[in-house]
Amino acid sequence: MQAPVGRAGEERVGIVIPIPEPHAARLAALRAAAGDPFAAVPPHLTLLTGLPATDWNQIVEHVGAVAARTEPTTLRFAGTATFRPLTPVVYCPVSVGERWCRSLHAALQAGPLAAPSAYPFVPHVTLGQGLDDAALDALEASQAGVTWDLRADRIALYGDLGDADWKLRATFPLGTL
């Protein structure tokens, strides 16, 4: 998760679906081999990021409640896409479970995390970012035919101070109600 730009000293919220093994190792190796400057960031599907953390107790309670009432599901990732020319990112989109991801995103972006988004939410896992066009083209082509499944059964809540050093605050299993 790339750190959002915010005011100095203002902690920000990040909520993700962590990518487990064996997919995490494969995705991390792919990014490292491409020279991605963010290759050390553990692979994840971002649900919400960049919002100010005004009250961690309220945020933890809200995220926990959303997680408890959200049933786990299996997501399928297939092919590649890009956010270019807006941002230099190649990603693997969610091809099955996109509606589930959008519903979870909307539920999280309520209550203490209600705020307008700078960009539309696109459920995906980043394959490479911050690379030149040739490297992004190569990544996009090399992963175009790759399909994989992920059992989404938990979400993770992170905080940062704008320094790209995300700290895990809590992990919530899904569907505990």
N, C-alpha and C. Protein backbone atom coordinates (compact mmCIF):
# COMPACT_ATOMS: atom_id res chain seq x y z
N MET A 1 0.85 -1.15 0.00
CA MET A 1 0.00 0.00 0.00
C MET A 1 0.90 1.22 0.00
N GLN A 2 0.74 2.07 -0.98
CA GLN A 2 1.54 3.28 -1.05
C GLN A 2 0.94 4.30 -0.09
N ALA A 3 1.80 5.01 0.62
CA ALA A 3 1.33 5.99 1.57
C ALA A 3 0.66 7.15 0.85
N PRO A 4 -0.52 7.56 1.29
CA PRO A 4 -1.17 8.71 0.69
C PRO A 4 -0.50 10.00 1.15
N VAL A 5 -0.76 11.04 0.42
CA VAL A 5 -0.23 12.35 0.80
C VAL A 5 -1.20 12.96 1.79
N GLY A 6 -0.72 13.41 2.89
CA GLY A 6 -1.57 14.02 3.91
C GLY A 6 -0.80 15.08 4.66
N ARG A 7 -1.44 15.67 5.65
CA ARG A 7 -0.76 16.67 6.46
C ARG A 7 0.27 15.99 7.36
N ALA A 8 1.37 16.67 7.59
CA ALA A 8 2.43 16.13 8.44
C ALA A 8 1.87 15.79 9.81
N GLY A 9 2.18 14.60 10.29
CA GLY A 9 1.76 14.17 11.62
C GLY A 9 0.35 13.62 11.67
N GLU A 10 -0.37 13.65 10.56
CA GLU A 10 -1.74 13.14 10.54
C GLU A 10 -1.72 11.67 10.16
N GLU A 11 -2.20 10.83 11.07
CA GLU A 11 -2.22 9.40 10.77
C GLU A 11 -3.35 9.11 9.80
N ARG A 12 -3.07 8.19 8.86
CA ARG A 12 -4.02 7.82 7.83
C ARG A 12 -4.41 6.35 7.98
N VAL A 13 -5.58 6.00 7.45
CA VAL A 13 -6.14 4.66 7.53
C VAL A 13 -5.92 3.92 6.22
N GLY A 14 -5.60 2.64 6.31
CA GLY A 14 -5.56 1.75 5.17
C GLY A 14 -6.24 0.45 5.54
N ILE A 15 -7.15 -0.03 4.69
CA ILE A 15 -7.85 -1.29 4.94
C ILE A 15 -7.68 -2.16 3.71
N VAL A 16 -7.21 -3.39 3.93
CA VAL A 16 -6.88 -4.27 2.80
C VAL A 16 -7.37 -5.69 3.05
N ILE A 17 -7.45 -6.44 1.95
CA ILE A 17 -7.55 -7.88 2.02
C ILE A 17 -6.14 -8.39 1.79
N PRO A 18 -5.50 -8.99 2.79
CA PRO A 18 -4.14 -9.50 2.60
C PRO A 18 -4.14 -10.67 1.63
N ILE A 19 -3.09 -10.78 0.85
CA ILE A 19 -2.94 -11.90 -0.09
C ILE A 19 -2.07 -12.95 0.58
N PRO A 20 -2.59 -14.15 0.80
CA PRO A 20 -1.82 -15.21 1.47
C PRO A 20 -0.91 -15.95 0.49
N GLU A 21 -0.11 -16.85 1.05
CA GLU A 21 0.71 -17.75 0.24
C GLU A 21 -0.19 -18.77 -0.45
N PRO A 22 0.18 -19.28 -1.57
CA PRO A 22 1.44 -19.07 -2.29
C PRO A 22 1.43 -17.83 -3.16
N HIS A 23 0.29 -17.16 -3.26
CA HIS A 23 0.18 -16.01 -4.15
C HIS A 23 1.06 -14.84 -3.71
N ALA A 24 1.19 -14.62 -2.41
CA ALA A 24 1.97 -13.48 -1.92
C ALA A 24 3.42 -13.56 -2.39
N ALA A 25 4.03 -14.72 -2.28
CA ALA A 25 5.43 -14.86 -2.69
C ALA A 25 5.58 -14.66 -4.19
N ARG A 26 4.66 -15.20 -4.96
CA ARG A 26 4.73 -15.05 -6.42
C ARG A 26 4.59 -13.59 -6.83
N LEU A 27 3.63 -12.88 -6.25
CA LEU A 27 3.40 -11.49 -6.59
C LEU A 27 4.57 -10.59 -6.13
N ALA A 28 5.09 -10.87 -4.94
CA ALA A 28 6.22 -10.09 -4.44
C ALA A 28 7.45 -10.30 -5.33
N ALA A 29 7.70 -11.53 -5.73
CA ALA A 29 8.84 -11.83 -6.60
C ALA A 29 8.69 -11.16 -7.96
N LEU A 30 7.48 -11.15 -8.48
CA LEU A 30 7.20 -10.52 -9.76
C LEU A 30 7.53 -9.02 -9.70
N ARG A 31 7.08 -8.37 -8.65
CA ARG A 31 7.33 -6.93 -8.49
C ARG A 31 8.81 -6.65 -8.29
N ALA A 32 9.47 -7.47 -7.48
CA ALA A 32 10.90 -7.27 -7.24
C ALA A 32 11.70 -7.46 -8.52
N ALA A 33 11.37 -8.48 -9.30
CA ALA A 33 12.10 -8.75 -10.54
C ALA A 33 11.93 -7.61 -11.55
N ALA A 34 10.80 -6.93 -11.50
CA ALA A 34 10.55 -5.81 -12.41
C ALA A 34 11.25 -4.53 -11.95
N GLY A 35 11.79 -4.54 -10.72
CA GLY A 35 12.44 -3.34 -10.18
C GLY A 35 11.46 -2.36 -9.57
N ASP A 36 10.28 -2.83 -9.22
CA ASP A 36 9.24 -1.99 -8.63
C ASP A 36 9.74 -1.38 -7.33
N PRO A 37 9.70 -0.05 -7.19
CA PRO A 37 10.17 0.59 -5.96
C PRO A 37 9.31 0.26 -4.73
N PHE A 38 8.12 -0.32 -4.95
CA PHE A 38 7.23 -0.67 -3.84
C PHE A 38 7.15 -2.18 -3.65
N ALA A 39 8.12 -2.91 -4.16
CA ALA A 39 8.10 -4.38 -4.12
C ALA A 39 8.09 -4.93 -2.69
N ALA A 40 8.57 -4.18 -1.73
CA ALA A 40 8.62 -4.66 -0.34
C ALA A 40 7.25 -4.60 0.34
N VAL A 41 6.29 -3.89 -0.26
CA VAL A 41 4.95 -3.81 0.31
C VAL A 41 4.27 -5.16 0.10
N PRO A 42 3.78 -5.80 1.17
CA PRO A 42 3.13 -7.10 1.01
C PRO A 42 1.94 -7.01 0.05
N PRO A 43 1.76 -7.99 -0.82
CA PRO A 43 0.64 -7.96 -1.76
C PRO A 43 -0.71 -7.91 -1.02
N HIS A 44 -1.63 -7.14 -1.60
CA HIS A 44 -2.92 -6.93 -0.97
C HIS A 44 -3.91 -6.37 -1.99
N LEU A 45 -5.18 -6.42 -1.64
CA LEU A 45 -6.24 -5.75 -2.37
C LEU A 45 -6.69 -4.61 -1.48
N THR A 46 -6.48 -3.38 -1.91
CA THR A 46 -6.85 -2.22 -1.10
C THR A 46 -8.35 -2.01 -1.15
N LEU A 47 -8.95 -1.90 0.03
CA LEU A 47 -10.38 -1.61 0.14
C LEU A 47 -10.62 -0.13 0.41
N LEU A 48 -9.73 0.48 1.16
CA LEU A 48 -9.87 1.89 1.53
C LEU A 48 -8.51 2.39 1.98
N THR A 49 -8.13 3.57 1.55
CA THR A 49 -6.85 4.11 2.00
C THR A 49 -6.84 5.63 1.91
N GLY A 50 -6.00 6.22 2.74
CA GLY A 50 -5.76 7.65 2.68
C GLY A 50 -6.65 8.53 3.52
N LEU A 51 -7.60 7.95 4.23
CA LEU A 51 -8.49 8.77 5.05
C LEU A 51 -7.84 9.09 6.39
N PRO A 52 -8.07 10.28 6.93
CA PRO A 52 -7.49 10.61 8.23
C PRO A 52 -8.08 9.76 9.35
N ALA A 53 -7.23 9.37 10.26
CA ALA A 53 -7.66 8.57 11.43
C ALA A 53 -8.01 9.55 12.54
N THR A 54 -9.27 9.89 12.63
CA THR A 54 -9.69 10.87 13.63
C THR A 54 -9.93 10.26 15.00
N ASP A 55 -10.42 9.02 15.03
CA ASP A 55 -10.71 8.35 16.30
C ASP A 55 -10.52 6.84 16.09
N TRP A 56 -9.36 6.31 16.52
CA TRP A 56 -9.05 4.91 16.26
C TRP A 56 -10.05 3.96 16.92
N ASN A 57 -10.58 4.32 18.08
CA ASN A 57 -11.57 3.45 18.73
C ASN A 57 -12.82 3.30 17.87
N GLN A 58 -13.32 4.41 17.33
CA GLN A 58 -14.48 4.36 16.44
C GLN A 58 -14.17 3.59 15.16
N ILE A 59 -12.99 3.80 14.61
CA ILE A 59 -12.59 3.13 13.37
C ILE A 59 -12.50 1.63 13.58
N VAL A 60 -11.85 1.20 14.64
CA VAL A 60 -11.72 -0.23 14.94
C VAL A 60 -13.10 -0.85 15.14
N GLU A 61 -13.96 -0.17 15.87
CA GLU A 61 -15.32 -0.68 16.10
C GLU A 61 -16.08 -0.80 14.77
N HIS A 62 -15.98 0.22 13.93
CA HIS A 62 -16.67 0.23 12.64
C HIS A 62 -16.16 -0.88 11.72
N VAL A 63 -14.84 -0.99 11.57
CA VAL A 63 -14.27 -2.00 10.68
C VAL A 63 -14.59 -3.40 11.20
N GLY A 64 -14.52 -3.59 12.51
CA GLY A 64 -14.87 -4.88 13.09
C GLY A 64 -16.32 -5.26 12.83
N ALA A 65 -17.23 -4.29 12.94
CA ALA A 65 -18.66 -4.56 12.70
C ALA A 65 -18.91 -4.89 11.23
N VAL A 66 -18.27 -4.16 10.32
CA VAL A 66 -18.42 -4.45 8.90
C VAL A 66 -17.89 -5.85 8.59
N ALA A 67 -16.73 -6.18 9.12
CA ALA A 67 -16.13 -7.50 8.88
C ALA A 67 -17.05 -8.61 9.42
N ALA A 68 -17.58 -8.42 10.61
CA ALA A 68 -18.42 -9.45 11.24
C ALA A 68 -19.65 -9.77 10.40
N ARG A 69 -20.22 -8.77 9.73
CA ARG A 69 -21.44 -9.02 8.96
C ARG A 69 -21.17 -9.29 7.47
N THR A 70 -19.92 -9.38 7.09
CA THR A 70 -19.55 -9.68 5.70
C THR A 70 -19.09 -11.13 5.60
N GLU A 71 -19.79 -11.92 4.82
CA GLU A 71 -19.43 -13.33 4.66
C GLU A 71 -18.17 -13.45 3.80
N PRO A 72 -17.28 -14.39 4.12
CA PRO A 72 -16.11 -14.63 3.27
C PRO A 72 -16.56 -15.05 1.87
N THR A 73 -15.69 -14.91 0.92
CA THR A 73 -15.98 -15.32 -0.45
C THR A 73 -14.69 -15.70 -1.15
N THR A 74 -14.83 -16.30 -2.30
CA THR A 74 -13.68 -16.60 -3.14
C THR A 74 -13.64 -15.60 -4.28
N LEU A 75 -12.52 -14.93 -4.42
CA LEU A 75 -12.32 -13.97 -5.50
C LEU A 75 -11.48 -14.63 -6.58
N ARG A 76 -11.77 -14.29 -7.82
CA ARG A 76 -10.94 -14.73 -8.94
C ARG A 76 -10.29 -13.50 -9.56
N PHE A 77 -9.01 -13.62 -9.80
CA PHE A 77 -8.23 -12.58 -10.47
C PHE A 77 -7.84 -13.13 -11.84
N ALA A 78 -7.99 -12.31 -12.87
CA ALA A 78 -7.68 -12.80 -14.22
C ALA A 78 -7.16 -11.67 -15.09
N GLY A 79 -6.06 -11.96 -15.77
CA GLY A 79 -5.52 -11.02 -16.74
C GLY A 79 -4.87 -9.81 -16.11
N THR A 80 -4.75 -8.77 -16.91
CA THR A 80 -4.11 -7.54 -16.46
C THR A 80 -4.87 -6.34 -17.00
N ALA A 81 -4.63 -5.21 -16.37
CA ALA A 81 -5.17 -3.92 -16.79
C ALA A 81 -4.19 -2.86 -16.29
N THR A 82 -4.46 -1.63 -16.63
CA THR A 82 -3.56 -0.55 -16.22
C THR A 82 -4.35 0.71 -15.88
N PHE A 83 -3.76 1.54 -15.04
CA PHE A 83 -4.32 2.85 -14.74
C PHE A 83 -3.64 3.94 -15.58
N ARG A 84 -2.70 3.54 -16.46
CA ARG A 84 -2.05 4.52 -17.32
C ARG A 84 -3.06 5.12 -18.28
N PRO A 85 -2.97 6.37 -18.61
CA PRO A 85 -1.89 7.30 -18.33
C PRO A 85 -2.06 8.06 -17.01
N LEU A 86 -3.15 7.81 -16.27
CA LEU A 86 -3.38 8.54 -15.02
C LEU A 86 -2.27 8.27 -14.00
N THR A 87 -1.96 7.00 -13.77
CA THR A 87 -0.86 6.63 -12.88
C THR A 87 -0.13 5.43 -13.49
N PRO A 88 1.18 5.33 -13.25
CA PRO A 88 1.96 4.23 -13.82
C PRO A 88 1.80 2.93 -13.03
N VAL A 89 0.64 2.28 -13.22
CA VAL A 89 0.31 1.07 -12.48
C VAL A 89 -0.25 0.02 -13.45
N VAL A 90 0.24 -1.22 -13.30
CA VAL A 90 -0.34 -2.38 -13.96
C VAL A 90 -0.88 -3.26 -12.85
N TYR A 91 -2.07 -3.81 -13.05
CA TYR A 91 -2.69 -4.58 -11.99
C TYR A 91 -3.43 -5.79 -12.55
N CYS A 92 -3.79 -6.68 -11.62
CA CYS A 92 -4.62 -7.84 -11.92
C CYS A 92 -6.01 -7.54 -11.36
N PRO A 93 -7.01 -7.43 -12.26
CA PRO A 93 -8.35 -7.09 -11.79
C PRO A 93 -9.09 -8.30 -11.21
N VAL A 94 -10.06 -8.01 -10.34
CA VAL A 94 -10.96 -9.03 -9.83
C VAL A 94 -11.96 -9.32 -10.95
N SER A 95 -12.03 -10.59 -11.38
CA SER A 95 -12.97 -10.94 -12.45
C SER A 95 -14.22 -11.63 -11.90
N VAL A 96 -14.13 -12.26 -10.75
CA VAL A 96 -15.29 -12.84 -10.07
C VAL A 96 -15.23 -12.36 -8.62
N GLY A 97 -16.30 -11.73 -8.19
CA GLY A 97 -16.36 -11.18 -6.83
C GLY A 97 -16.24 -9.67 -6.79
N GLU A 98 -16.27 -9.03 -7.95
CA GLU A 98 -16.14 -7.58 -7.98
C GLU A 98 -17.27 -6.90 -7.22
N ARG A 99 -18.48 -7.38 -7.38
CA ARG A 99 -19.63 -6.78 -6.68
C ARG A 99 -19.46 -6.91 -5.16
N TRP A 100 -18.96 -8.08 -4.71
CA TRP A 100 -18.70 -8.30 -3.28
C TRP A 100 -17.68 -7.27 -2.78
N CYS A 101 -16.59 -7.07 -3.56
CA CYS A 101 -15.56 -6.09 -3.17
C CYS A 101 -16.13 -4.68 -3.09
N ARG A 102 -16.95 -4.33 -4.08
CA ARG A 102 -17.55 -2.99 -4.09
C ARG A 102 -18.50 -2.79 -2.90
N SER A 103 -19.24 -3.81 -2.55
CA SER A 103 -20.14 -3.74 -1.41
C SER A 103 -19.35 -3.58 -0.11
N LEU A 104 -18.28 -4.34 0.03
CA LEU A 104 -17.43 -4.23 1.23
C LEU A 104 -16.79 -2.85 1.31
N HIS A 105 -16.28 -2.36 0.18
CA HIS A 105 -15.69 -1.02 0.13
C HIS A 105 -16.71 0.03 0.58
N ALA A 106 -17.94 -0.06 0.04
CA ALA A 106 -18.98 0.92 0.40
C ALA A 106 -19.33 0.85 1.88
N ALA A 107 -19.42 -0.35 2.43
CA ALA A 107 -19.74 -0.50 3.85
C ALA A 107 -18.63 0.08 4.73
N LEU A 108 -17.38 -0.10 4.32
CA LEU A 108 -16.26 0.45 5.08
C LEU A 108 -16.21 1.97 4.99
N GLN A 109 -16.58 2.50 3.82
CA GLN A 109 -16.51 3.94 3.60
C GLN A 109 -17.80 4.61 4.08
N ALA A 110 -18.13 4.33 5.32
CA ALA A 110 -19.31 4.90 5.97
C ALA A 110 -18.92 5.25 7.40
N GLY A 111 -19.84 5.79 8.15
CA GLY A 111 -19.57 6.10 9.56
C GLY A 111 -18.33 6.95 9.71
N PRO A 112 -17.39 6.53 10.57
CA PRO A 112 -16.21 7.36 10.83
C PRO A 112 -15.25 7.43 9.64
N LEU A 113 -15.50 6.64 8.60
CA LEU A 113 -14.63 6.65 7.41
C LEU A 113 -15.35 7.22 6.19
N ALA A 114 -16.45 7.90 6.40
CA ALA A 114 -17.20 8.49 5.29
C ALA A 114 -16.44 9.70 4.75
N ALA A 115 -16.11 9.64 3.47
CA ALA A 115 -15.41 10.73 2.79
C ALA A 115 -15.46 10.46 1.30
N PRO A 116 -15.48 11.51 0.51
CA PRO A 116 -15.47 11.30 -0.93
C PRO A 116 -14.13 10.71 -1.37
N SER A 117 -14.17 9.92 -2.45
CA SER A 117 -12.95 9.32 -2.99
C SER A 117 -12.38 10.18 -4.10
N ALA A 118 -11.07 10.24 -4.18
CA ALA A 118 -10.42 10.97 -5.26
C ALA A 118 -10.54 10.22 -6.58
N TYR A 119 -10.62 8.87 -6.51
CA TYR A 119 -10.72 8.03 -7.69
C TYR A 119 -11.81 6.99 -7.48
N PRO A 120 -12.39 6.50 -8.57
CA PRO A 120 -13.36 5.40 -8.41
C PRO A 120 -12.66 4.16 -7.86
N PHE A 121 -13.38 3.38 -7.08
CA PHE A 121 -12.83 2.15 -6.51
C PHE A 121 -12.77 1.08 -7.59
N VAL A 122 -11.59 0.48 -7.76
CA VAL A 122 -11.37 -0.61 -8.72
C VAL A 122 -10.74 -1.76 -7.95
N PRO A 123 -11.46 -2.85 -7.72
CA PRO A 123 -10.89 -3.98 -6.99
C PRO A 123 -9.78 -4.64 -7.81
N HIS A 124 -8.58 -4.68 -7.23
CA HIS A 124 -7.42 -5.20 -7.96
C HIS A 124 -6.26 -5.49 -7.02
N VAL A 125 -5.27 -6.19 -7.55
CA VAL A 125 -3.99 -6.37 -6.88
C VAL A 125 -2.93 -5.78 -7.79
N THR A 126 -2.13 -4.88 -7.26
CA THR A 126 -1.08 -4.23 -8.06
C THR A 126 0.02 -5.22 -8.41
N LEU A 127 0.39 -5.22 -9.70
CA LEU A 127 1.49 -6.05 -10.19
C LEU A 127 2.77 -5.24 -10.33
N GLY A 128 2.63 -3.96 -10.57
CA GLY A 128 3.80 -3.08 -10.69
C GLY A 128 3.37 -1.64 -10.73
N GLN A 129 4.18 -0.79 -10.14
CA GLN A 129 3.91 0.65 -10.16
C GLN A 129 5.21 1.42 -10.09
N GLY A 130 5.15 2.65 -10.58
CA GLY A 130 6.32 3.51 -10.51
C GLY A 130 7.44 3.08 -11.44
N LEU A 131 7.12 2.28 -12.46
CA LEU A 131 8.11 1.79 -13.42
C LEU A 131 7.95 2.54 -14.73
N ASP A 132 8.96 2.44 -15.59
CA ASP A 132 8.82 3.06 -16.91
C ASP A 132 7.85 2.25 -17.76
N ASP A 133 7.44 2.82 -18.88
CA ASP A 133 6.43 2.18 -19.73
C ASP A 133 6.88 0.82 -20.24
N ALA A 134 8.15 0.68 -20.58
CA ALA A 134 8.63 -0.61 -21.10
C ALA A 134 8.49 -1.71 -20.05
N ALA A 135 8.85 -1.40 -18.81
CA ALA A 135 8.74 -2.39 -17.73
C ALA A 135 7.28 -2.71 -17.44
N LEU A 136 6.42 -1.69 -17.45
CA LEU A 136 4.99 -1.92 -17.21
C LEU A 136 4.38 -2.73 -18.36
N ASP A 137 4.78 -2.42 -19.60
CA ASP A 137 4.30 -3.20 -20.75
C ASP A 137 4.69 -4.67 -20.62
N ALA A 138 5.94 -4.92 -20.21
CA ALA A 138 6.43 -6.30 -20.06
C ALA A 138 5.65 -7.03 -18.97
N LEU A 139 5.41 -6.37 -17.84
CA LEU A 139 4.62 -6.97 -16.77
C LEU A 139 3.21 -7.28 -17.24
N GLU A 140 2.61 -6.32 -17.90
CA GLU A 140 1.23 -6.49 -18.38
C GLU A 140 1.14 -7.69 -19.32
N ALA A 141 2.09 -7.80 -20.24
CA ALA A 141 2.08 -8.90 -21.21
C ALA A 141 2.36 -10.24 -20.54
N SER A 142 3.30 -10.26 -19.60
CA SER A 142 3.69 -11.54 -18.98
C SER A 142 2.60 -12.13 -18.10
N GLN A 143 1.71 -11.30 -17.60
CA GLN A 143 0.66 -11.77 -16.67
C GLN A 143 -0.73 -11.79 -17.30
N ALA A 144 -0.82 -11.46 -18.58
CA ALA A 144 -2.12 -11.33 -19.25
C ALA A 144 -2.95 -12.61 -19.20
N GLY A 145 -2.32 -13.77 -19.23
CA GLY A 145 -3.06 -15.02 -19.24
C GLY A 145 -3.15 -15.71 -17.89
N VAL A 146 -2.71 -15.04 -16.83
CA VAL A 146 -2.67 -15.66 -15.50
C VAL A 146 -4.01 -15.47 -14.79
N THR A 147 -4.53 -16.57 -14.25
CA THR A 147 -5.77 -16.55 -13.46
C THR A 147 -5.49 -17.25 -12.14
N TRP A 148 -6.01 -16.69 -11.05
CA TRP A 148 -5.82 -17.32 -9.74
C TRP A 148 -6.98 -16.95 -8.82
N ASP A 149 -7.20 -17.79 -7.83
CA ASP A 149 -8.29 -17.60 -6.87
C ASP A 149 -7.73 -17.30 -5.49
N LEU A 150 -8.52 -16.57 -4.73
CA LEU A 150 -8.16 -16.19 -3.37
C LEU A 150 -9.39 -16.31 -2.49
N ARG A 151 -9.26 -17.00 -1.38
CA ARG A 151 -10.33 -17.06 -0.38
C ARG A 151 -10.20 -15.81 0.49
N ALA A 152 -11.12 -14.87 0.31
CA ALA A 152 -11.11 -13.63 1.10
C ALA A 152 -11.88 -13.90 2.38
N ASP A 153 -11.13 -14.07 3.47
CA ASP A 153 -11.77 -14.43 4.74
C ASP A 153 -11.37 -13.51 5.88
N ARG A 154 -10.64 -12.43 5.56
CA ARG A 154 -10.23 -11.48 6.60
C ARG A 154 -9.86 -10.15 5.96
N ILE A 155 -9.92 -9.09 6.76
CA ILE A 155 -9.41 -7.80 6.34
C ILE A 155 -8.44 -7.29 7.40
N ALA A 156 -7.53 -6.44 6.96
CA ALA A 156 -6.51 -5.90 7.87
C ALA A 156 -6.61 -4.38 7.88
N LEU A 157 -6.46 -3.81 9.05
CA LEU A 157 -6.52 -2.36 9.26
C LEU A 157 -5.12 -1.86 9.58
N TYR A 158 -4.68 -0.87 8.80
CA TYR A 158 -3.35 -0.28 8.97
C TYR A 158 -3.47 1.20 9.25
N GLY A 159 -2.41 1.76 9.84
CA GLY A 159 -2.29 3.20 10.02
C GLY A 159 -0.90 3.62 9.61
N ASP A 160 -0.75 4.86 9.16
CA ASP A 160 0.56 5.39 8.82
C ASP A 160 0.60 6.88 9.13
N LEU A 161 1.79 7.42 9.10
CA LEU A 161 1.96 8.86 9.33
C LEU A 161 2.47 9.54 8.06
N GLY A 162 2.13 8.97 6.90
CA GLY A 162 2.55 9.58 5.65
C GLY A 162 3.97 9.25 5.26
N ASP A 163 4.58 8.28 5.94
CA ASP A 163 5.98 7.95 5.66
C ASP A 163 6.13 6.61 4.96
N ALA A 164 5.04 6.06 4.44
CA ALA A 164 5.01 4.77 3.74
C ALA A 164 5.32 3.59 4.66
N ASP A 165 5.39 3.83 5.96
CA ASP A 165 5.66 2.75 6.91
C ASP A 165 4.35 2.39 7.59
N TRP A 166 3.55 1.55 6.92
CA TRP A 166 2.25 1.17 7.44
C TRP A 166 2.39 0.24 8.63
N LYS A 167 1.61 0.50 9.66
CA LYS A 167 1.62 -0.31 10.88
C LYS A 167 0.29 -1.05 10.98
N LEU A 168 0.36 -2.37 11.15
CA LEU A 168 -0.85 -3.16 11.30
C LEU A 168 -1.50 -2.82 12.63
N ARG A 169 -2.75 -2.41 12.59
CA ARG A 169 -3.51 -2.07 13.79
C ARG A 169 -4.34 -3.26 14.27
N ALA A 170 -4.96 -3.97 13.31
CA ALA A 170 -5.84 -5.10 13.67
C ALA A 170 -6.16 -5.91 12.42
N THR A 171 -6.47 -7.18 12.66
CA THR A 171 -6.97 -8.05 11.61
C THR A 171 -8.33 -8.57 12.04
N PHE A 172 -9.28 -8.59 11.12
CA PHE A 172 -10.64 -8.98 11.43
C PHE A 172 -11.07 -10.13 10.55
N PRO A 173 -11.47 -11.27 11.14
CA PRO A 173 -12.03 -12.35 10.32
C PRO A 173 -13.40 -11.91 9.79
N LEU A 174 -13.75 -12.39 8.63
CA LEU A 174 -15.05 -12.06 8.04
C LEU A 174 -16.12 -13.06 8.47
N GLY A 175 -17.35 -12.55 8.57
CA GLY A 175 -18.51 -13.41 8.80
C GLY A 175 -18.62 -14.03 10.16
N THR A 176 -18.34 -13.27 11.19
CA THR A 176 -18.37 -13.85 12.54
C THR A 176 -19.70 -13.64 13.25
N LEU A 177 -20.66 -13.01 12.60
CA LEU A 177 -21.98 -12.81 13.23
C LEU A 177 -22.81 -14.08 13.16
